[in-house]
C-alpha atoms as a PDB file:
ATOM      1  CA  MET A   1      44.518  25.988 -53.696  1.00  0.00           C
ATOM      2  CA  PHE A   2      46.892  25.585 -56.629  1.00  0.00           C
ATOM      3  CA  ASP A   3      48.476  22.555 -54.978  1.00  0.00           C
ATOM      4  CA  ARG A   4      45.117  20.822 -54.881  1.00  0.00           C
ATOM      5  CA  LEU A   5      44.266  21.748 -58.461  1.00  0.00           C
ATOM      6  CA  PHE A   6      47.520  21.310 -60.315  1.00  0.00           C
ATOM      7  CA  GLY A   7      49.787  19.190 -58.090  1.00  0.00           C
ATOM      8  CA  GLU A   8      52.223  19.598 -55.232  1.00  0.00           C
ATOM      9  CA  GLY A   9      55.162  21.892 -55.918  1.00  0.00           C
ATOM     10  CA  GLN A  10      55.924  24.371 -58.630  1.00  0.00           C
ATOM     11  CA  GLU A  11      57.854  21.965 -60.850  1.00  0.00           C
ATOM     12  CA  LEU A  12      55.026  19.437 -60.948  1.00  0.00           C
ATOM     13  CA  GLN A  13      52.528  22.204 -61.647  1.00  0.00           C
ATOM     14  CA  PHE A  14      54.689  23.600 -64.432  1.00  0.00           C
ATOM     15  CA  ASN A  15      55.112  20.172 -66.028  1.00  0.00           C
ATOM     16  CA  LYS A  16      51.376  19.517 -65.900  1.00  0.00           C
ATOM     17  CA  LEU A  17      50.385  22.951 -67.177  1.00  0.00           C
ATOM     18  CA  LYS A  18      52.981  23.227 -69.953  1.00  0.00           C
ATOM     19  CA  ILE A  19      51.032  20.635 -71.924  1.00  0.00           C
ATOM     20  CA  MET A  20      47.500  21.852 -71.246  1.00  0.00           C
ATOM     21  CA  VAL A  21      47.890  25.627 -71.477  1.00  0.00           C
ATOM     22  CA  PRO A  22      49.324  26.010 -75.018  1.00  0.00           C
ATOM     23  CA  ILE A  23      46.773  23.605 -76.477  1.00  0.00           C
ATOM     24  CA  SER A  24      43.936  25.388 -74.698  1.00  0.00           C
ATOM     25  CA  LEU A  25      45.139  28.821 -75.764  1.00  0.00           C
ATOM     26  CA  VAL A  26      45.408  27.746 -79.399  1.00  0.00           C
ATOM     27  CA  LEU A  27      41.901  26.268 -79.329  1.00  0.00           C
ATOM     28  CA  VAL A  28      40.345  29.288 -77.608  1.00  0.00           C
ATOM     29  CA  VAL A  29      42.053  31.760 -79.966  1.00  0.00           C
ATOM     30  CA  ALA A  30      41.024  29.658 -82.976  1.00  0.00           C
ATOM     31  CA  MET A  31      37.411  29.586 -81.776  1.00  0.00           C
ATOM     32  CA  VAL A  32      37.331  33.346 -81.180  1.00  0.00           C
ATOM     33  CA  ILE A  33      38.844  34.045 -84.618  1.00  0.00           C
ATOM     34  CA  TYR A  34      36.328  31.665 -86.172  1.00  0.00           C
ATOM     35  CA  GLY A  35      33.516  33.493 -84.405  1.00  0.00           C
ATOM     36  CA  ILE A  36      34.749  36.879 -85.592  1.00  0.00           C
ATOM     37  CA  VAL A  37      35.258  35.765 -89.198  1.00  0.00           C
ATOM     38  CA  SER A  38      32.025  33.816 -89.563  1.00  0.00           C
ATOM     39  CA  GLY A  39      29.831  36.014 -87.395  1.00  0.00           C
ATOM     40  CA  ASP A  40      28.635  32.870 -85.665  1.00  0.00           C
ATOM     41  CA  SER A  41      28.320  32.386 -81.921  1.00  0.00           C
ATOM     42  CA  SER A  42      29.423  28.749 -81.947  1.00  0.00           C
ATOM     43  CA  TRP A  43      32.800  29.815 -80.529  1.00  0.00           C
ATOM     44  CA  ILE A  44      31.110  29.925 -77.117  1.00  0.00           C
ATOM     45  CA  VAL A  45      30.439  26.201 -77.421  1.00  0.00           C
ATOM     46  CA  GLY A  46      34.094  25.665 -78.316  1.00  0.00           C
ATOM     47  CA  ILE A  47      35.245  27.514 -75.214  1.00  0.00           C
ATOM     48  CA  LEU A  48      32.831  25.455 -73.102  1.00  0.00           C
ATOM     49  CA  ILE A  49      34.257  22.264 -74.613  1.00  0.00           C
ATOM     50  CA  VAL A  50      37.789  23.369 -73.720  1.00  0.00           C
ATOM     51  CA  GLY A  51      36.482  24.248 -70.262  1.00  0.00           C
ATOM     52  CA  PHE A  52      34.922  20.796 -69.999  1.00  0.00           C
ATOM     53  CA  VAL A  53      38.264  19.186 -70.792  1.00  0.00           C
ATOM     54  CA  TRP A  54      39.802  21.160 -67.910  1.00  0.00           C
ATOM     55  CA  GLY A  55      36.871  20.670 -65.548  1.00  0.00           C
ATOM     56  CA  VAL A  56      36.265  16.961 -66.013  1.00  0.00           C
ATOM     57  CA  ARG A  57      39.548  16.256 -64.225  1.00  0.00           C
ATOM     58  CA  TYR A  58      38.821  18.426 -61.206  1.00  0.00           C
ATOM     59  CA  VAL A  59      35.070  18.438 -60.541  1.00  0.00           C
ATOM     60  CA  PRO A  60      34.981  14.804 -59.310  1.00  0.00           C
ATOM     61  CA  LYS A  61      37.724  15.680 -56.814  1.00  0.00           C
ATOM     62  CA  PHE A  62      35.541  18.375 -55.299  1.00  0.00           C
ATOM     63  CA  ILE A  63      32.399  16.216 -55.302  1.00  0.00           C
ATOM     64  CA  PHE A  64      34.374  13.394 -53.634  1.00  0.00           C
ATOM     65  CA  HIS A  65      33.512  10.740 -56.204  1.00  0.00           C
ATOM     66  CA  LYS A  66      36.372   8.452 -57.117  1.00  0.00           C
ATOM     67  CA  SER A  67      34.680   6.891 -60.107  1.00  0.00           C
ATOM     68  CA  ILE A  68      31.667   7.534 -62.252  1.00  0.00           C
ATOM     69  CA  GLY A  69      30.397   4.018 -61.496  1.00  0.00           C
ATOM     70  CA  ASN A  70      29.615   5.081 -57.931  1.00  0.00           C
ATOM     71  CA  LEU A  71      27.012   7.469 -59.291  1.00  0.00           C
ATOM     72  CA  PHE A  72      25.007   4.622 -60.834  1.00  0.00           C
ATOM     73  CA  ALA A  73      25.300   2.160 -57.932  1.00  0.00           C
ATOM     74  CA  GLU A  74      21.940   2.787 -56.247  1.00  0.00           C
ATOM     75  CA  ASN A  75      19.490   4.152 -58.791  1.00  0.00           C
ATOM     76  CA  ILE A  76      19.842   4.701 -62.512  1.00  0.00           C
ATOM     77  CA  PHE A  77      17.737   7.888 -62.428  1.00  0.00           C
ATOM     78  CA  SER A  78      19.810   9.498 -59.693  1.00  0.00           C
ATOM     79  CA  GLY A  79      22.975   8.362 -61.468  1.00  0.00           C
ATOM     80  CA  VAL A  80      21.936   9.971 -64.747  1.00  0.00           C
ATOM     81  CA  ALA A  81      20.865  13.158 -62.957  1.00  0.00           C
ATOM     82  CA  ALA A  82      24.162  13.289 -61.058  1.00  0.00           C
ATOM     83  CA  MET A  83      26.121  12.654 -64.261  1.00  0.00           C
ATOM     84  CA  PHE A  84      24.252  15.437 -66.086  1.00  0.00           C
ATOM     85  CA  GLY A  85      24.901  17.791 -63.175  1.00  0.00           C
ATOM     86  CA  MET A  86      28.562  16.813 -63.193  1.00  0.00           C
ATOM     87  CA  LEU A  87      28.813  17.586 -66.918  1.00  0.00           C
ATOM     88  CA  ILE A  88      27.299  21.044 -66.409  1.00  0.00           C
ATOM     89  CA  LEU A  89      29.561  21.725 -63.422  1.00  0.00           C
ATOM     90  CA  SER A  90      32.557  20.548 -65.438  1.00  0.00           C
ATOM     91  CA  CYS A  91      31.816  23.052 -68.193  1.00  0.00           C
ATOM     92  CA  ALA A  92      31.142  25.930 -65.820  1.00  0.00           C
ATOM     93  CA  PHE A  93      33.997  25.354 -63.396  1.00  0.00           C
ATOM     94  CA  GLY A  94      36.294  24.205 -66.183  1.00  0.00           C
ATOM     95  CA  VAL A  95      36.353  27.662 -67.733  1.00  0.00           C
ATOM     96  CA  VAL A  96      37.280  29.143 -64.337  1.00  0.00           C
ATOM     97  CA  ILE A  97      39.907  26.459 -63.728  1.00  0.00           C
ATOM     98  CA  MET A  98      41.284  27.041 -67.238  1.00  0.00           C
ATOM     99  CA  VAL A  99      41.710  30.765 -66.531  1.00  0.00           C
ATOM    100  CA  LEU A 100      43.358  29.963 -63.178  1.00  0.00           C
ATOM    101  CA  GLY A 101      45.633  27.451 -64.894  1.00  0.00           C
ATOM    102  CA  ILE A 102      46.690  29.929 -67.554  1.00  0.00           C
ATOM    103  CA  LEU A 103      47.410  32.595 -64.932  1.00  0.00           C
ATOM    104  CA  ARG A 104      49.326  30.091 -62.778  1.00  0.00           C
ATOM    105  CA  PHE A 105      51.350  29.006 -65.811  1.00  0.00           C
ATOM    106  CA  ILE A 106      52.272  32.622 -66.584  1.00  0.00           C
ATOM    107  CA  TYR A 107      53.283  33.118 -62.935  1.00  0.00           C
ATOM    108  CA  LEU A 108      55.455  29.990 -63.026  1.00  0.00           C
ATOM    109  CA  LEU A 109      57.098  31.198 -66.246  1.00  0.00           C
ATOM    110  CA  VAL A 110      57.925  34.531 -64.583  1.00  0.00           C
ATOM    111  CA  VAL A 111      59.344  32.747 -61.520  1.00  0.00           C
ATOM    112  CA  ARG A 112      61.494  30.498 -63.715  1.00  0.00           C
ATOM    113  CA  ALA A 113      62.751  33.474 -65.724  1.00  0.00           C
ATOM    114  CA  SER A 114      63.664  35.388 -62.567  1.00  0.00           C
ATOM    115  CA  ARG A 115      65.548  32.363 -61.206  1.00  0.00           C
ATOM    116  CA  ARG A 116      67.529  32.074 -64.426  1.00  0.00           C
ATOM    117  CA  ALA A 117      68.362  35.776 -64.349  1.00  0.00           C
ATOM    118  CA  GLU A 118      69.902  35.490 -60.882  1.00  0.00           C
END
């Protein structure tokens, strides 16, 4: 599963995740702190936006669409409906994929540290 999501092999996965995970963690922590300080619930929207950034890369792979233009080829109404559905799926699955990515990154860090210790 992780090979399909983040690339073949642990080194490729680590290189891909080492850019995305720290930025995502900083944004999520900043949004949660903002929500606590201001008493506002807009931090949920911030987490969904970060989830969208993660999900927009992976949801088209699972829907088997290579490009967004294929969605609009037949009918503009069905294309807009499919695009709206893809945006919602990207937000929802993106949060799950983000959590999986963070956990996979931590696992890869532990594996690298244990290899260096040997």
